[in-house]
C-alpha atoms as a PDB file:
ATOM      1  CA  MET A   1      19.292  14.970   7.765  1.00  0.00           C
ATOM      2  CA  VAL A   2      18.389  11.109   6.446  1.00  0.00           C
ATOM      3  CA  THR A   3      15.880  11.095   3.960  1.00  0.00           C
ATOM      4  CA  LEU A   4      14.135   7.470   3.189  1.00  0.00           C
ATOM      5  CA  ALA A   5      11.890   6.826  -0.078  1.00  0.00           C
ATOM      6  CA  GLU A   6       9.633   3.819  -0.545  1.00  0.00           C
ATOM      7  CA  ARG A   7      10.192   2.609  -4.266  1.00  0.00           C
ATOM      8  CA  LYS A   8       6.557   2.320  -5.232  1.00  0.00           C
ATOM      9  CA  SER A   9       4.568   4.607  -3.718  1.00  0.00           C
ATOM     10  CA  ARG A  10       7.237   7.677  -3.808  1.00  0.00           C
ATOM     11  CA  TYR A  11       6.470   7.881  -0.132  1.00  0.00           C
ATOM     12  CA  ILE A  12       8.977   9.601   2.148  1.00  0.00           C
ATOM     13  CA  LEU A  13      10.063   9.477   5.671  1.00  0.00           C
ATOM     14  CA  ALA A  14      12.984  11.886   7.051  1.00  0.00           C
ATOM     15  CA  ALA A  15      14.190  12.642  10.260  1.00  0.00           C
ATOM     16  CA  GLN A  16      17.007  15.252  11.393  1.00  0.00           C
ATOM     17  CA  VAL A  17      19.947  14.140  12.664  1.00  0.00           C
ATOM     18  CA  PRO A  18      22.504  16.230  14.682  1.00  0.00           C
ATOM     19  CA  GLY A  19      25.395  15.259  12.621  1.00  0.00           C
ATOM     20  CA  LYS A  20      26.903  12.392   9.979  1.00  0.00           C
ATOM     21  CA  GLN A  21      27.974  10.181  12.496  1.00  0.00           C
ATOM     22  CA  ALA A  22      26.833   6.461  11.945  1.00  0.00           C
ATOM     23  CA  SER A  23      25.508   5.912  15.459  1.00  0.00           C
ATOM     24  CA  GLY A  24      23.106   8.735  14.992  1.00  0.00           C
ATOM     25  CA  VAL A  25      22.192   8.009  11.418  1.00  0.00           C
ATOM     26  CA  THR A  26      21.479   4.235  12.252  1.00  0.00           C
ATOM     27  CA  ALA A  27      18.996   5.066  15.339  1.00  0.00           C
ATOM     28  CA  ALA A  28      17.190   7.447  12.846  1.00  0.00           C
ATOM     29  CA  ILE A  29      16.723   4.815  10.529  1.00  0.00           C
ATOM     30  CA  THR A  30      15.360   2.436  12.498  1.00  0.00           C
ATOM     31  CA  ARG A  31      13.241   4.599  14.296  1.00  0.00           C
ATOM     32  CA  LEU A  32      11.763   5.924  10.904  1.00  0.00           C
ATOM     33  CA  LEU A  33      11.457   2.512   9.430  1.00  0.00           C
ATOM     34  CA  ARG A  34      10.335   0.719  12.811  1.00  0.00           C
ATOM     35  CA  PRO A  35       6.130   1.388  12.465  1.00  0.00           C
ATOM     36  CA  HIS A  36       6.770  -0.087   8.496  1.00  0.00           C
ATOM     37  CA  LYS A  37       8.779  -2.901   9.472  1.00  0.00           C
ATOM     38  CA  ASP A  38       6.248  -5.726   7.714  1.00  0.00           C
ATOM     39  CA  LYS A  39       6.658  -3.315   4.667  1.00  0.00           C
ATOM     40  CA  CYS A  40      10.526  -3.233   4.058  1.00  0.00           C
ATOM     41  CA  TYR A  41      12.137  -5.661   2.249  1.00  0.00           C
ATOM     42  CA  THR A  42      15.625  -4.043   1.197  1.00  0.00           C
ATOM     43  CA  MET A  43      17.106  -0.638   1.470  1.00  0.00           C
ATOM     44  CA  THR A  44      20.089   0.922  -0.447  1.00  0.00           C
ATOM     45  CA  PHE A  45      22.673   3.073   0.851  1.00  0.00           C
ATOM     46  CA  ASP A  46      25.342   5.354  -0.737  1.00  0.00           C
ATOM     47  CA  ASN A  47      28.631   4.649   0.273  1.00  0.00           C
ATOM     48  CA  GLY A  48      29.317   7.299   3.403  1.00  0.00           C
ATOM     49  CA  LYS A  49      30.578   6.211   6.437  1.00  0.00           C
ATOM     50  CA  GLU A  50      27.668   7.447   8.332  1.00  0.00           C
ATOM     51  CA  PHE A  51      26.020   3.865   6.976  1.00  0.00           C
ATOM     52  CA  ALA A  52      29.241   1.794   8.733  1.00  0.00           C
ATOM     53  CA  GLU A  53      26.376   0.476  11.097  1.00  0.00           C
ATOM     54  CA  HIS A  54      24.227  -1.297   8.032  1.00  0.00           C
ATOM     55  CA  GLU A  55      24.175  -4.254   9.527  1.00  0.00           C
ATOM     56  CA  THR A  56      22.500  -3.408  12.870  1.00  0.00           C
ATOM     57  CA  ILE A  57      20.087  -1.804  10.935  1.00  0.00           C
ATOM     58  CA  SER A  58      19.447  -4.834   8.602  1.00  0.00           C
ATOM     59  CA  ALA A  59      19.333  -6.845  11.700  1.00  0.00           C
ATOM     60  CA  LYS A  60      16.963  -4.792  13.619  1.00  0.00           C
ATOM     61  CA  LEU A  61      14.857  -4.340  10.164  1.00  0.00           C
ATOM     62  CA  ASN A  62      15.210  -7.986   9.443  1.00  0.00           C
ATOM     63  CA  ALA A  63      15.733  -6.157   5.812  1.00  0.00           C
ATOM     64  CA  ASP A  64      18.637  -6.823   3.065  1.00  0.00           C
ATOM     65  CA  VAL A  65      21.066  -4.027   2.590  1.00  0.00           C
ATOM     66  CA  TYR A  66      22.455  -3.139  -0.576  1.00  0.00           C
ATOM     67  CA  PHE A  67      24.907  -0.376  -1.336  1.00  0.00           C
ATOM     68  CA  ALA A  68      24.881   1.924  -5.039  1.00  0.00           C
ATOM     69  CA  HIS A  69      28.180   1.772  -6.690  1.00  0.00           C
ATOM     70  CA  PRO A  70      30.541   5.049  -5.862  1.00  0.00           C
ATOM     71  CA  TYR A  71      30.173   8.340  -7.493  1.00  0.00           C
ATOM     72  CA  ARG A  72      26.455   6.667  -9.478  1.00  0.00           C
ATOM     73  CA  SER A  73      23.841   8.993  -7.825  1.00  0.00           C
ATOM     74  CA  TRP A  74      21.687   7.978 -10.264  1.00  0.00           C
ATOM     75  CA  GLU A  75      21.616   4.133  -8.734  1.00  0.00           C
ATOM     76  CA  ARG A  76      19.608   5.871  -6.160  1.00  0.00           C
ATOM     77  CA  GLY A  77      17.605   7.920  -8.680  1.00  0.00           C
ATOM     78  CA  LEU A  78      14.450   7.764  -6.080  1.00  0.00           C
ATOM     79  CA  ASN A  79      15.739   9.254  -3.000  1.00  0.00           C
ATOM     80  CA  GLU A  80      17.993  12.224  -5.318  1.00  0.00           C
ATOM     81  CA  ASN A  81      14.392  12.991  -6.700  1.00  0.00           C
ATOM     82  CA  SER A  82      13.153  13.138  -2.761  1.00  0.00           C
ATOM     83  CA  ASN A  83      15.974  15.268  -1.398  1.00  0.00           C
ATOM     84  CA  GLY A  84      15.527  17.699  -4.545  1.00  0.00           C
ATOM     85  CA  LEU A  85      12.007  17.946  -2.833  1.00  0.00           C
ATOM     86  CA  LEU A  86      12.516  18.783   0.075  1.00  0.00           C
ATOM     87  CA  ARG A  87      15.377  21.295  -1.353  1.00  0.00           C
ATOM     88  CA  GLN A  88      11.762  23.385  -2.158  1.00  0.00           C
ATOM     89  CA  TYR A  89      11.567  23.492   1.420  1.00  0.00           C
ATOM     90  CA  PHE A  90      14.902  23.480   2.552  1.00  0.00           C
ATOM     91  CA  PRO A  91      17.198  25.837   0.120  1.00  0.00           C
ATOM     92  CA  LYS A  92      20.744  25.030  -0.020  1.00  0.00           C
ATOM     93  CA  VAL A  93      21.440  28.350   1.134  1.00  0.00           C
ATOM     94  CA  MET A  94      19.981  27.157   4.515  1.00  0.00           C
ATOM     95  CA  GLU A  95      22.064  25.557   7.249  1.00  0.00           C
ATOM     96  CA  LEU A  96      20.515  22.278   7.582  1.00  0.00           C
ATOM     97  CA  ILE A  97      21.392  21.802  11.015  1.00  0.00           C
ATOM     98  CA  GLU A  98      18.941  24.680  11.980  1.00  0.00           C
ATOM     99  CA  VAL A  99      16.094  22.921  10.639  1.00  0.00           C
ATOM    100  CA  THR A 100      13.938  21.122  13.268  1.00  0.00           C
ATOM    101  CA  GLN A 101      12.130  18.128  13.287  1.00  0.00           C
ATOM    102  CA  GLU A 102       8.901  19.894  13.151  1.00  0.00           C
ATOM    103  CA  GLN A 103       9.819  21.321  10.225  1.00  0.00           C
ATOM    104  CA  VAL A 104      11.241  18.448   8.358  1.00  0.00           C
ATOM    105  CA  GLN A 105       7.967  16.707   9.335  1.00  0.00           C
ATOM    106  CA  TRP A 106       5.689  19.459   7.654  1.00  0.00           C
ATOM    107  CA  ALA A 107       7.775  19.484   4.575  1.00  0.00           C
ATOM    108  CA  VAL A 108       7.347  15.271   4.309  1.00  0.00           C
ATOM    109  CA  ASP A 109       3.695  15.654   4.939  1.00  0.00           C
ATOM    110  CA  ARG A 110       3.345  18.383   2.282  1.00  0.00           C
ATOM    111  CA  LEU A 111       5.493  16.513   0.101  1.00  0.00           C
ATOM    112  CA  ASN A 112       3.598  12.716   0.921  1.00  0.00           C
ATOM    113  CA  HIS A 113       0.170  14.362   0.263  1.00  0.00           C
ATOM    114  CA  ARG A 114       1.016  15.980  -3.140  1.00  0.00           C
ATOM    115  CA  PRO A 115      -0.538  14.367  -6.081  1.00  0.00           C
ATOM    116  CA  ARG A 116       1.875  12.669  -8.573  1.00  0.00           C
ATOM    117  CA  LYS A 117       1.683  12.591 -12.018  1.00  0.00           C
ATOM    118  CA  VAL A 118       3.575   9.226 -12.062  1.00  0.00           C
ATOM    119  CA  LEU A 119       1.155   7.665  -9.380  1.00  0.00           C
ATOM    120  CA  VAL A 120      -1.694   8.657 -11.987  1.00  0.00           C
ATOM    121  CA  PHE A 121      -2.222  11.699  -9.650  1.00  0.00           C
ATOM    122  CA  ARG A 122      -2.753   9.925  -6.723  1.00  0.00           C
ATOM    123  CA  THR A 123      -0.440  11.240  -3.446  1.00  0.00           C
ATOM    124  CA  PRO A 124       2.245   8.830  -1.987  1.00  0.00           C
ATOM    125  CA  PHE A 125       0.326   8.440   1.336  1.00  0.00           C
ATOM    126  CA  GLU A 126      -2.838   7.225  -0.527  1.00  0.00           C
ATOM    127  CA  ILE A 127      -0.725   4.613  -2.207  1.00  0.00           C
ATOM    128  CA  PHE A 128       1.628   3.347   0.602  1.00  0.00           C
ATOM    129  CA  PHE A 129      -1.521   3.199   3.182  1.00  0.00           C
ATOM    130  CA  GLY A 130      -3.837   2.131   0.500  1.00  0.00           C
ATOM    131  CA  LYS A 131      -6.856   4.843   1.815  1.00  0.00           C
ATOM    132  CA  THR A 132      -8.153   7.638  -0.678  1.00  0.00           C
ATOM    133  CA  VAL A 133      -7.903  10.976   0.669  1.00  0.00           C
ATOM    134  CA  ARG A 134     -10.572  13.467  -0.854  1.00  0.00           C
ATOM    135  CA  TYR A 135      -9.483  16.824  -1.672  1.00  0.00           C
ATOM    136  CA  THR A 136     -11.738  19.991  -1.756  1.00  0.00           C
ATOM    137  CA  LYS A 137     -10.427  23.424  -3.991  1.00  0.00           C
ATOM    138  CA  SER A 138     -10.427  26.107  -1.215  1.00  0.00           C
ATOM    139  CA  PRO A 139     -11.919  29.316  -2.200  1.00  0.00           C
ATOM    140  CA  LEU A 140      -8.779  31.324  -1.200  1.00  0.00           C
ATOM    141  CA  GLY A 141      -6.861  29.113  -3.863  1.00  0.00           C
ATOM    142  CA  VAL A 142      -7.682  31.455  -6.312  1.00  0.00           C
ATOM    143  CA  ALA A 143      -5.862  34.043  -7.896  1.00  0.00           C
ATOM    144  CA  LEU A 144      -7.292  37.263  -7.586  1.00  0.00           C
ATOM    145  CA  ARG A 145      -7.113  40.601 -10.050  1.00  0.00           C
ATOM    146  CA  ASN A 146      -6.660  44.176  -8.657  1.00  0.00           C
END
């Protein structure tokens, strides 16, 4: 699974890829970011060999690519946090190869519409797209006692 997180809005993009081959990861990243090309200026990857085709990604999206230092996952803290949030839906005991793109998109949509304290209780979707979304409390969202 490839996950991308926009720094200011915390907006998440994710795609299921069949393996960790550079060609598949490159195709997934360009497919995810092409609609947002005008908002994509830089990307920071880890040093995995799945990012070997980073020059292709950079050229297709006209964005600069940077790499975190080896074994310093905190340099990509937002991405690590986003992966942790996705793990709420796909626990480590679950094989990610069995997860469908529809399941990934469902989880990403839930996270992108979850209000965040760091965003003053606005959602990543609202910040990224500049749209206000009104939420109403469902009567079924109330805990009932016997």
